[in-house]
Amino acid sequence: MSTTVAAPSTAGRAKSRSRVADRLLRGYVWLIIAWLFLPITVMIVFGFNDTQSKSNVSWQGFTFKWWGRLGDYPDLTGAVVNSLLIALISVAITTVLGTLMGLAMGRYRFRGQGTTNLVMFAAISSPEIVMGASLLSLFISTGVQTGFATVVVAHVLFSLSFVAITVRARVVGLDPSIEEAARDLGASTWATFRLVTLPMIMPGVVAGALLAFALSIDDFVITQFTSGSTQTFPLWIWGATRIGVPPQVNILGTLIFAVGVVIAVVNTVLSRRRT
């Protein structure tokens, strides 16, 4: 009789501990999310700060006036345009090359594949200052003038590995029998790739492209080594910190963040619809 009474009591205590553990885990996750979003929230809020000086570090009131004065700093606007152009060009090149590399690495076996994988992961794990310094040495030794083009080349090189590895992870999980069925039904190699393979690996391609764009738009270290006289958004902010960062920087950062959120949401919705 005592055993029958004790069993439910033990099960109840176990369930209670499980609920407490679940709540603690949820609270920990939300705490980490809040910590990650705190700098972004500060950036957004200080875009509405009615500051009366170049130093935008203390709250002085709420205003929308800075949103209508984004063109007050032509150099800042030009730097943002440069960052967007560099990111778009490098993403276009990196997505094509990285997709082909990821497809080859995930589908085929070839001599030197292990070395290729090692180089890919080494490019990801190595500090940015190593790649920046090595690229600068390469450009100087070959007599190449640093500027817009060299920044694009640098961004392609350091983001290529991210795209290739992301696409390869998608390719490894594909069922090759689907492509074989398409070829058995008369589809050419190009038609099979365009109508069967590419749609199946498209989530990996999009994820790699978005990752490459994010890496390019906010890169500072490698860009600093290879930019020459070209100004990008991160470089402009770094130079402005000596005299004060205007609220327009916060606004432009908010707009870039908002565009990234919209793209991520749209990609998530489309992925769910495909599923």
C-alpha atoms as a PDB file:
ATOM      1  CA  MET A   1       0.000   0.000   0.000  1.00  0.00           C
ATOM      2  CA  SER A   2       2.814   2.410   0.849  1.00  0.00           C
ATOM      3  CA  THR A   3       4.508   1.663  -2.468  1.00  0.00           C
ATOM      4  CA  THR A   4       1.316   2.455  -4.397  1.00  0.00           C
ATOM      5  CA  VAL A   5       0.983   5.832  -2.674  1.00  0.00           C
ATOM      6  CA  ALA A   6       4.661   6.784  -3.099  1.00  0.00           C
ATOM      7  CA  ALA A   7       4.801   6.136  -6.844  1.00  0.00           C
ATOM      8  CA  PRO A   8       2.452   8.968  -7.888  1.00  0.00           C
ATOM      9  CA  SER A   9       4.234  11.291  -5.475  1.00  0.00           C
ATOM     10  CA  THR A  10       7.599  10.522  -7.082  1.00  0.00           C
ATOM     11  CA  ALA A  11       6.186  10.992 -10.579  1.00  0.00           C
ATOM     12  CA  GLY A  12       4.648  14.306  -9.535  1.00  0.00           C
ATOM     13  CA  ARG A  13       7.958  15.592  -8.201  1.00  0.00           C
ATOM     14  CA  ALA A  14       9.689  14.530 -11.432  1.00  0.00           C
ATOM     15  CA  LYS A  15       7.127  16.396 -13.532  1.00  0.00           C
ATOM     16  CA  SER A  16       7.477  19.451 -11.326  1.00  0.00           C
ATOM     17  CA  ARG A  17      11.258  19.440 -11.718  1.00  0.00           C
ATOM     18  CA  SER A  18      10.846  19.013 -15.474  1.00  0.00           C
ATOM     19  CA  ARG A  19       8.534  22.045 -15.650  1.00  0.00           C
ATOM     20  CA  VAL A  20      10.975  24.135 -13.620  1.00  0.00           C
ATOM     21  CA  ALA A  21      13.857  23.076 -15.869  1.00  0.00           C
ATOM     22  CA  ASP A  22      11.821  23.972 -18.984  1.00  0.00           C
ATOM     23  CA  ARG A  23      11.024  27.404 -17.589  1.00  0.00           C
ATOM     24  CA  LEU A  24      14.640  28.044 -16.671  1.00  0.00           C
ATOM     25  CA  LEU A  25      15.745  27.002 -20.161  1.00  0.00           C
ATOM     26  CA  ARG A  26      13.177  29.287 -21.798  1.00  0.00           C
ATOM     27  CA  GLY A  27      14.215  32.140 -19.546  1.00  0.00           C
ATOM     28  CA  TYR A  28      17.875  31.554 -20.403  1.00  0.00           C
ATOM     29  CA  VAL A  29      17.116  31.556 -24.142  1.00  0.00           C
ATOM     30  CA  TRP A  30      15.127  34.801 -23.905  1.00  0.00           C
ATOM     31  CA  LEU A  31      17.915  36.353 -21.842  1.00  0.00           C
ATOM     32  CA  ILE A  32      20.471  35.512 -24.548  1.00  0.00           C
ATOM     33  CA  ILE A  33      18.154  36.891 -27.253  1.00  0.00           C
ATOM     34  CA  ALA A  34      17.673  40.115 -25.284  1.00  0.00           C
ATOM     35  CA  TRP A  35      21.436  40.436 -24.818  1.00  0.00           C
ATOM     36  CA  LEU A  36      22.003  40.014 -28.570  1.00  0.00           C
ATOM     37  CA  PHE A  37      19.320  42.540 -29.515  1.00  0.00           C
ATOM     38  CA  LEU A  38      20.310  45.143 -26.918  1.00  0.00           C
ATOM     39  CA  PRO A  39      22.943  46.887 -29.135  1.00  0.00           C
ATOM     40  CA  ILE A  40      20.516  46.885 -32.077  1.00  0.00           C
ATOM     41  CA  THR A  41      17.807  48.405 -29.891  1.00  0.00           C
ATOM     42  CA  VAL A  42      20.182  51.137 -28.708  1.00  0.00           C
ATOM     43  CA  MET A  43      21.139  51.877 -32.317  1.00  0.00           C
ATOM     44  CA  ILE A  44      17.480  52.187 -33.371  1.00  0.00           C
ATOM     45  CA  VAL A  45      16.540  54.352 -30.391  1.00  0.00           C
ATOM     46  CA  PHE A  46      19.421  56.779 -30.848  1.00  0.00           C
ATOM     47  CA  GLY A  47      18.364  57.332 -34.427  1.00  0.00           C
ATOM     48  CA  PHE A  48      15.529  59.377 -32.881  1.00  0.00           C
ATOM     49  CA  ASN A  49      17.756  61.246 -30.429  1.00  0.00           C
ATOM     50  CA  ASP A  50      17.368  65.055 -30.557  1.00  0.00           C
ATOM     51  CA  THR A  51      21.071  65.627 -29.998  1.00  0.00           C
ATOM     52  CA  GLN A  52      22.465  69.148 -30.238  1.00  0.00           C
ATOM     53  CA  SER A  53      26.092  68.143 -30.830  1.00  0.00           C
ATOM     54  CA  LYS A  54      28.160  65.740 -32.891  1.00  0.00           C
ATOM     55  CA  SER A  55      28.316  63.342 -29.964  1.00  0.00           C
ATOM     56  CA  ASN A  56      25.265  61.073 -30.051  1.00  0.00           C
ATOM     57  CA  VAL A  57      25.881  59.195 -26.813  1.00  0.00           C
ATOM     58  CA  SER A  58      23.370  60.700 -24.361  1.00  0.00           C
ATOM     59  CA  TRP A  59      19.591  60.907 -24.723  1.00  0.00           C
ATOM     60  CA  GLN A  60      18.386  64.481 -25.193  1.00  0.00           C
ATOM     61  CA  GLY A  61      14.863  64.062 -26.526  1.00  0.00           C
ATOM     62  CA  PHE A  62      12.768  62.410 -29.210  1.00  0.00           C
ATOM     63  CA  THR A  63      12.645  63.646 -32.816  1.00  0.00           C
ATOM     64  CA  PHE A  64      12.069  62.477 -36.392  1.00  0.00           C
ATOM     65  CA  LYS A  65      14.099  65.268 -37.980  1.00  0.00           C
ATOM     66  CA  TRP A  66      17.195  63.153 -38.682  1.00  0.00           C
ATOM     67  CA  TRP A  67      15.165  60.827 -40.916  1.00  0.00           C
ATOM     68  CA  GLY A  68      14.621  63.733 -43.293  1.00  0.00           C
ATOM     69  CA  ARG A  69      18.273  64.771 -43.198  1.00  0.00           C
ATOM     70  CA  LEU A  70      20.047  61.611 -44.343  1.00  0.00           C
ATOM     71  CA  GLY A  71      21.792  63.605 -47.064  1.00  0.00           C
ATOM     72  CA  ASP A  72      23.527  66.004 -44.661  1.00  0.00           C
ATOM     73  CA  TYR A  73      26.741  63.970 -44.971  1.00  0.00           C
ATOM     74  CA  PRO A  74      27.480  63.238 -48.656  1.00  0.00           C
ATOM     75  CA  ASP A  75      30.565  61.224 -47.707  1.00  0.00           C
ATOM     76  CA  LEU A  76      28.421  58.981 -45.514  1.00  0.00           C
ATOM     77  CA  THR A  77      25.889  58.467 -48.296  1.00  0.00           C
ATOM     78  CA  GLY A  78      28.690  57.629 -50.732  1.00  0.00           C
ATOM     79  CA  ALA A  79      30.180  55.162 -48.246  1.00  0.00           C
ATOM     80  CA  VAL A  80      26.836  53.372 -47.894  1.00  0.00           C
ATOM     81  CA  VAL A  81      26.461  53.215 -51.678  1.00  0.00           C
ATOM     82  CA  ASN A  82      29.969  51.768 -51.962  1.00  0.00           C
ATOM     83  CA  SER A  83      29.192  49.142 -49.322  1.00  0.00           C
ATOM     84  CA  LEU A  84      25.990  48.096 -51.094  1.00  0.00           C
ATOM     85  CA  LEU A  85      27.633  47.948 -54.518  1.00  0.00           C
ATOM     86  CA  ILE A  86      30.581  45.949 -53.213  1.00  0.00           C
ATOM     87  CA  ALA A  87      28.254  43.565 -51.379  1.00  0.00           C
ATOM     88  CA  LEU A  88      25.973  43.028 -54.392  1.00  0.00           C
ATOM     89  CA  ILE A  89      28.822  42.500 -56.855  1.00  0.00           C
ATOM     90  CA  SER A  90      30.743  40.181 -54.554  1.00  0.00           C
ATOM     91  CA  VAL A  91      27.586  38.207 -53.704  1.00  0.00           C
ATOM     92  CA  ALA A  92      26.764  37.734 -57.394  1.00  0.00           C
ATOM     93  CA  ILE A  93      30.255  36.397 -58.113  1.00  0.00           C
ATOM     94  CA  THR A  94      30.521  34.377 -54.912  1.00  0.00           C
ATOM     95  CA  THR A  95      27.110  32.747 -55.306  1.00  0.00           C
ATOM     96  CA  VAL A  96      27.896  31.446 -58.782  1.00  0.00           C
ATOM     97  CA  LEU A  97      31.396  30.212 -57.945  1.00  0.00           C
ATOM     98  CA  GLY A  98      30.439  28.924 -54.498  1.00  0.00           C
ATOM     99  CA  THR A  99      27.421  27.025 -55.816  1.00  0.00           C
ATOM    100  CA  LEU A 100      29.500  25.264 -58.469  1.00  0.00           C
ATOM    101  CA  MET A 101      32.213  24.470 -55.929  1.00  0.00           C
ATOM    102  CA  GLY A 102      29.706  23.194 -53.377  1.00  0.00           C
ATOM    103  CA  LEU A 103      28.022  21.050 -56.023  1.00  0.00           C
ATOM    104  CA  ALA A 104      31.349  19.539 -57.087  1.00  0.00           C
ATOM    105  CA  MET A 105      32.527  18.946 -53.511  1.00  0.00           C
ATOM    106  CA  GLY A 106      29.259  17.367 -52.419  1.00  0.00           C
ATOM    107  CA  ARG A 107      28.574  15.251 -55.490  1.00  0.00           C
ATOM    108  CA  TYR A 108      31.923  14.086 -56.880  1.00  0.00           C
ATOM    109  CA  ARG A 109      35.141  12.498 -55.656  1.00  0.00           C
ATOM    110  CA  PHE A 110      38.329  13.910 -57.124  1.00  0.00           C
ATOM    111  CA  ARG A 111      42.047  14.070 -56.427  1.00  0.00           C
ATOM    112  CA  GLY A 112      42.877  16.792 -53.931  1.00  0.00           C
ATOM    113  CA  GLN A 113      39.404  16.883 -52.398  1.00  0.00           C
ATOM    114  CA  GLY A 114      40.787  16.624 -48.886  1.00  0.00           C
ATOM    115  CA  THR A 115      43.149  19.520 -49.530  1.00  0.00           C
ATOM    116  CA  THR A 116      40.277  21.553 -50.954  1.00  0.00           C
ATOM    117  CA  ASN A 117      38.199  20.964 -47.839  1.00  0.00           C
ATOM    118  CA  LEU A 118      41.153  21.915 -45.660  1.00  0.00           C
ATOM    119  CA  VAL A 119      41.670  25.178 -47.552  1.00  0.00           C
ATOM    120  CA  MET A 120      37.958  26.004 -47.317  1.00  0.00           C
ATOM    121  CA  PHE A 121      37.789  25.545 -43.566  1.00  0.00           C
ATOM    122  CA  ALA A 122      41.148  27.273 -43.094  1.00  0.00           C
ATOM    123  CA  ALA A 123      39.800  30.337 -44.899  1.00  0.00           C
ATOM    124  CA  ILE A 124      36.824  30.390 -42.518  1.00  0.00           C
ATOM    125  CA  SER A 125      38.765  29.798 -39.311  1.00  0.00           C
ATOM    126  CA  SER A 126      41.754  32.041 -39.981  1.00  0.00           C
ATOM    127  CA  PRO A 127      41.669  35.562 -38.490  1.00  0.00           C
ATOM    128  CA  GLU A 128      40.604  38.288 -40.874  1.00  0.00           C
ATOM    129  CA  ILE A 129      43.809  40.209 -40.250  1.00  0.00           C
ATOM    130  CA  VAL A 130      45.769  37.315 -41.782  1.00  0.00           C
ATOM    131  CA  MET A 131      43.767  37.393 -45.008  1.00  0.00           C
ATOM    132  CA  GLY A 132      43.767  41.189 -45.096  1.00  0.00           C
ATOM    133  CA  ALA A 133      47.536  41.438 -44.654  1.00  0.00           C
ATOM    134  CA  SER A 134      48.220  38.669 -47.170  1.00  0.00           C
ATOM    135  CA  LEU A 135      45.962  40.260 -49.796  1.00  0.00           C
ATOM    136  CA  LEU A 136      47.581  43.640 -49.263  1.00  0.00           C
ATOM    137  CA  SER A 137      51.020  42.060 -49.727  1.00  0.00           C
ATOM    138  CA  LEU A 138      49.787  40.366 -52.891  1.00  0.00           C
ATOM    139  CA  PHE A 139      48.409  43.579 -54.365  1.00  0.00           C
ATOM    140  CA  ILE A 140      51.543  45.562 -53.504  1.00  0.00           C
ATOM    141  CA  SER A 141      53.925  42.928 -54.871  1.00  0.00           C
ATOM    142  CA  THR A 142      52.000  42.678 -58.136  1.00  0.00           C
ATOM    143  CA  GLY A 143      51.648  46.436 -58.517  1.00  0.00           C
ATOM    144  CA  VAL A 144      47.856  46.467 -58.239  1.00  0.00           C
ATOM    145  CA  GLN A 145      46.381  49.762 -57.034  1.00  0.00           C
ATOM    146  CA  THR A 146      44.099  49.180 -54.065  1.00  0.00           C
ATOM    147  CA  GLY A 147      40.592  50.547 -54.326  1.00  0.00           C
ATOM    148  CA  PHE A 148      37.040  49.498 -55.181  1.00  0.00           C
ATOM    149  CA  ALA A 149      38.050  46.537 -57.363  1.00  0.00           C
ATOM    150  CA  THR A 150      40.482  45.095 -54.819  1.00  0.00           C
ATOM    151  CA  VAL A 151      37.833  45.289 -52.093  1.00  0.00           C
ATOM    152  CA  VAL A 152      35.447  43.312 -54.312  1.00  0.00           C
ATOM    153  CA  VAL A 153      38.155  40.698 -54.942  1.00  0.00           C
ATOM    154  CA  ALA A 154      38.892  40.469 -51.218  1.00  0.00           C
ATOM    155  CA  HIS A 155      35.220  40.053 -50.299  1.00  0.00           C
ATOM    156  CA  VAL A 156      34.781  37.339 -52.914  1.00  0.00           C
ATOM    157  CA  LEU A 157      37.766  35.439 -51.569  1.00  0.00           C
ATOM    158  CA  PHE A 158      36.801  35.466 -47.903  1.00  0.00           C
ATOM    159  CA  SER A 159      33.080  34.724 -48.447  1.00  0.00           C
ATOM    160  CA  LEU A 160      33.517  32.055 -51.128  1.00  0.00           C
ATOM    161  CA  SER A 161      34.191  29.324 -48.570  1.00  0.00           C
ATOM    162  CA  PHE A 162      30.989  30.105 -46.651  1.00  0.00           C
ATOM    163  CA  VAL A 163      28.835  29.756 -49.774  1.00  0.00           C
ATOM    164  CA  ALA A 164      30.598  26.599 -50.992  1.00  0.00           C
ATOM    165  CA  ILE A 165      30.293  24.823 -47.641  1.00  0.00           C
ATOM    166  CA  THR A 166      26.645  25.852 -47.218  1.00  0.00           C
ATOM    167  CA  VAL A 167      25.744  24.547 -50.682  1.00  0.00           C
ATOM    168  CA  ARG A 168      27.765  21.384 -50.182  1.00  0.00           C
ATOM    169  CA  ALA A 169      25.829  20.590 -47.003  1.00  0.00           C
ATOM    170  CA  ARG A 170      22.625  20.834 -49.039  1.00  0.00           C
ATOM    171  CA  VAL A 171      23.987  18.726 -51.905  1.00  0.00           C
ATOM    172  CA  VAL A 172      25.121  15.895 -49.609  1.00  0.00           C
ATOM    173  CA  GLY A 173      21.532  15.400 -48.432  1.00  0.00           C
ATOM    174  CA  LEU A 174      20.030  15.124 -51.935  1.00  0.00           C
ATOM    175  CA  ASP A 175      18.640  11.893 -53.370  1.00  0.00           C
ATOM    176  CA  PRO A 176      20.576  11.221 -56.604  1.00  0.00           C
ATOM    177  CA  SER A 177      17.818   8.921 -57.858  1.00  0.00           C
ATOM    178  CA  ILE A 178      15.663  11.974 -58.621  1.00  0.00           C
ATOM    179  CA  GLU A 179      18.232  13.323 -61.069  1.00  0.00           C
ATOM    180  CA  GLU A 180      18.714   9.849 -62.532  1.00  0.00           C
ATOM    181  CA  ALA A 181      14.970   9.603 -63.095  1.00  0.00           C
ATOM    182  CA  ALA A 182      15.001  12.950 -64.923  1.00  0.00           C
ATOM    183  CA  ARG A 183      17.787  11.770 -67.228  1.00  0.00           C
ATOM    184  CA  ASP A 184      16.004   8.452 -67.825  1.00  0.00           C
ATOM    185  CA  LEU A 185      12.957  10.436 -68.952  1.00  0.00           C
ATOM    186  CA  GLY A 186      15.033  12.198 -71.598  1.00  0.00           C
ATOM    187  CA  ALA A 187      16.200  15.377 -69.849  1.00  0.00           C
ATOM    188  CA  SER A 188      19.592  16.690 -70.890  1.00  0.00           C
ATOM    189  CA  THR A 189      22.346  17.424 -68.391  1.00  0.00           C
ATOM    190  CA  TRP A 190      21.560  21.146 -68.444  1.00  0.00           C
ATOM    191  CA  ALA A 191      17.798  20.558 -68.180  1.00  0.00           C
ATOM    192  CA  THR A 192      18.330  18.201 -65.246  1.00  0.00           C
ATOM    193  CA  PHE A 193      20.442  20.772 -63.449  1.00  0.00           C
ATOM    194  CA  ARG A 194      18.084  23.672 -64.202  1.00  0.00           C
ATOM    195  CA  LEU A 195      14.779  21.906 -63.481  1.00  0.00           C
ATOM    196  CA  VAL A 196      15.727  19.346 -60.840  1.00  0.00           C
ATOM    197  CA  THR A 197      19.090  19.948 -59.145  1.00  0.00           C
ATOM    198  CA  LEU A 198      19.005  23.734 -58.827  1.00  0.00           C
ATOM    199  CA  PRO A 199      15.499  23.911 -57.272  1.00  0.00           C
ATOM    200  CA  MET A 200      16.513  21.271 -54.722  1.00  0.00           C
ATOM    201  CA  ILE A 201      19.694  23.074 -53.678  1.00  0.00           C
ATOM    202  CA  MET A 202      18.152  26.551 -53.899  1.00  0.00           C
ATOM    203  CA  PRO A 203      17.628  26.892 -50.095  1.00  0.00           C
ATOM    204  CA  GLY A 204      21.364  26.321 -49.621  1.00  0.00           C
ATOM    205  CA  VAL A 205      22.211  28.756 -52.430  1.00  0.00           C
ATOM    206  CA  VAL A 206      19.983  31.474 -50.939  1.00  0.00           C
ATOM    207  CA  ALA A 207      21.356  30.870 -47.442  1.00  0.00           C
ATOM    208  CA  GLY A 208      24.917  31.115 -48.730  1.00  0.00           C
ATOM    209  CA  ALA A 209      24.153  34.299 -50.682  1.00  0.00           C
ATOM    210  CA  LEU A 210      22.552  35.956 -47.647  1.00  0.00           C
ATOM    211  CA  LEU A 211      25.509  34.952 -45.495  1.00  0.00           C
ATOM    212  CA  ALA A 212      27.945  36.365 -48.057  1.00  0.00           C
ATOM    213  CA  PHE A 213      25.980  39.623 -48.197  1.00  0.00           C
ATOM    214  CA  ALA A 214      26.010  39.969 -44.409  1.00  0.00           C
ATOM    215  CA  LEU A 215      29.744  39.267 -44.254  1.00  0.00           C
ATOM    216  CA  SER A 216      30.478  41.808 -46.979  1.00  0.00           C
ATOM    217  CA  ILE A 217      28.271  44.683 -45.829  1.00  0.00           C
ATOM    218  CA  ASP A 218      29.801  44.844 -42.343  1.00  0.00           C
ATOM    219  CA  ASP A 219      33.402  43.824 -42.977  1.00  0.00           C
ATOM    220  CA  PHE A 220      36.015  46.179 -41.580  1.00  0.00           C
ATOM    221  CA  VAL A 221      39.379  44.463 -41.132  1.00  0.00           C
ATOM    222  CA  ILE A 222      39.932  43.063 -44.628  1.00  0.00           C
ATOM    223  CA  THR A 223      38.380  46.142 -46.225  1.00  0.00           C
ATOM    224  CA  GLN A 224      40.712  48.396 -44.247  1.00  0.00           C
ATOM    225  CA  PHE A 225      43.737  46.602 -45.725  1.00  0.00           C
ATOM    226  CA  THR A 226      42.522  46.562 -49.335  1.00  0.00           C
ATOM    227  CA  SER A 227      40.350  49.687 -49.729  1.00  0.00           C
ATOM    228  CA  GLY A 228      42.950  52.323 -50.600  1.00  0.00           C
ATOM    229  CA  SER A 229      40.998  55.582 -50.890  1.00  0.00           C
ATOM    230  CA  THR A 230      37.615  53.847 -51.159  1.00  0.00           C
ATOM    231  CA  GLN A 231      35.295  54.492 -48.214  1.00  0.00           C
ATOM    232  CA  THR A 232      32.722  51.948 -47.057  1.00  0.00           C
ATOM    233  CA  PHE A 233      30.088  52.297 -44.344  1.00  0.00           C
ATOM    234  CA  PRO A 234      32.151  50.570 -41.584  1.00  0.00           C
ATOM    235  CA  LEU A 235      35.271  52.538 -42.515  1.00  0.00           C
ATOM    236  CA  TRP A 236      33.366  55.837 -42.440  1.00  0.00           C
ATOM    237  CA  ILE A 237      31.974  55.069 -38.985  1.00  0.00           C
ATOM    238  CA  TRP A 238      35.438  54.193 -37.697  1.00  0.00           C
ATOM    239  CA  GLY A 239      36.790  57.516 -38.950  1.00  0.00           C
ATOM    240  CA  ALA A 240      33.823  59.446 -37.555  1.00  0.00           C
ATOM    241  CA  THR A 241      34.271  58.090 -34.033  1.00  0.00           C
ATOM    242  CA  ARG A 242      37.144  60.536 -33.514  1.00  0.00           C
ATOM    243  CA  ILE A 243      34.871  63.574 -33.898  1.00  0.00           C
ATOM    244  CA  GLY A 244      31.445  62.114 -33.112  1.00  0.00           C
ATOM    245  CA  VAL A 245      29.027  59.758 -34.849  1.00  0.00           C
ATOM    246  CA  PRO A 246      25.934  61.594 -36.171  1.00  0.00           C
ATOM    247  CA  PRO A 247      22.405  60.152 -35.770  1.00  0.00           C
ATOM    248  CA  GLN A 248      22.301  59.476 -39.524  1.00  0.00           C
ATOM    249  CA  VAL A 249      24.638  56.532 -38.906  1.00  0.00           C
ATOM    250  CA  ASN A 250      22.075  54.988 -36.555  1.00  0.00           C
ATOM    251  CA  ILE A 251      19.315  55.555 -39.096  1.00  0.00           C
ATOM    252  CA  LEU A 252      21.239  53.941 -41.946  1.00  0.00           C
ATOM    253  CA  GLY A 253      22.155  51.038 -39.690  1.00  0.00           C
ATOM    254  CA  THR A 254      18.473  50.673 -38.791  1.00  0.00           C
ATOM    255  CA  LEU A 255      17.493  50.627 -42.468  1.00  0.00           C
ATOM    256  CA  ILE A 256      20.123  48.001 -43.292  1.00  0.00           C
ATOM    257  CA  PHE A 257      18.961  45.889 -40.349  1.00  0.00           C
ATOM    258  CA  ALA A 258      15.306  46.260 -41.430  1.00  0.00           C
ATOM    259  CA  VAL A 259      16.117  45.155 -44.975  1.00  0.00           C
ATOM    260  CA  GLY A 260      17.953  42.126 -43.608  1.00  0.00           C
ATOM    261  CA  VAL A 261      14.984  41.202 -41.421  1.00  0.00           C
ATOM    262  CA  VAL A 262      12.580  41.526 -44.372  1.00  0.00           C
ATOM    263  CA  ILE A 263      14.773  39.328 -46.562  1.00  0.00           C
ATOM    264  CA  ALA A 264      15.067  36.702 -43.811  1.00  0.00           C
ATOM    265  CA  VAL A 265      11.293  36.677 -43.234  1.00  0.00           C
ATOM    266  CA  VAL A 266      10.536  36.392 -46.953  1.00  0.00           C
ATOM    267  CA  ASN A 267      13.049  33.561 -47.307  1.00  0.00           C
ATOM    268  CA  THR A 268      11.508  31.732 -44.331  1.00  0.00           C
ATOM    269  CA  VAL A 269       7.982  32.092 -45.736  1.00  0.00           C
ATOM    270  CA  LEU A 270       9.031  30.873 -49.176  1.00  0.00           C
ATOM    271  CA  SER A 271      10.896  27.925 -47.647  1.00  0.00           C
ATOM    272  CA  ARG A 272       7.808  26.900 -45.689  1.00  0.00           C
ATOM    273  CA  ARG A 273       5.640  27.125 -48.791  1.00  0.00           C
ATOM    274  CA  ARG A 274       8.067  24.963 -50.736  1.00  0.00           C
ATOM    275  CA  THR A 275       8.051  22.437 -47.921  1.00  0.00           C
END
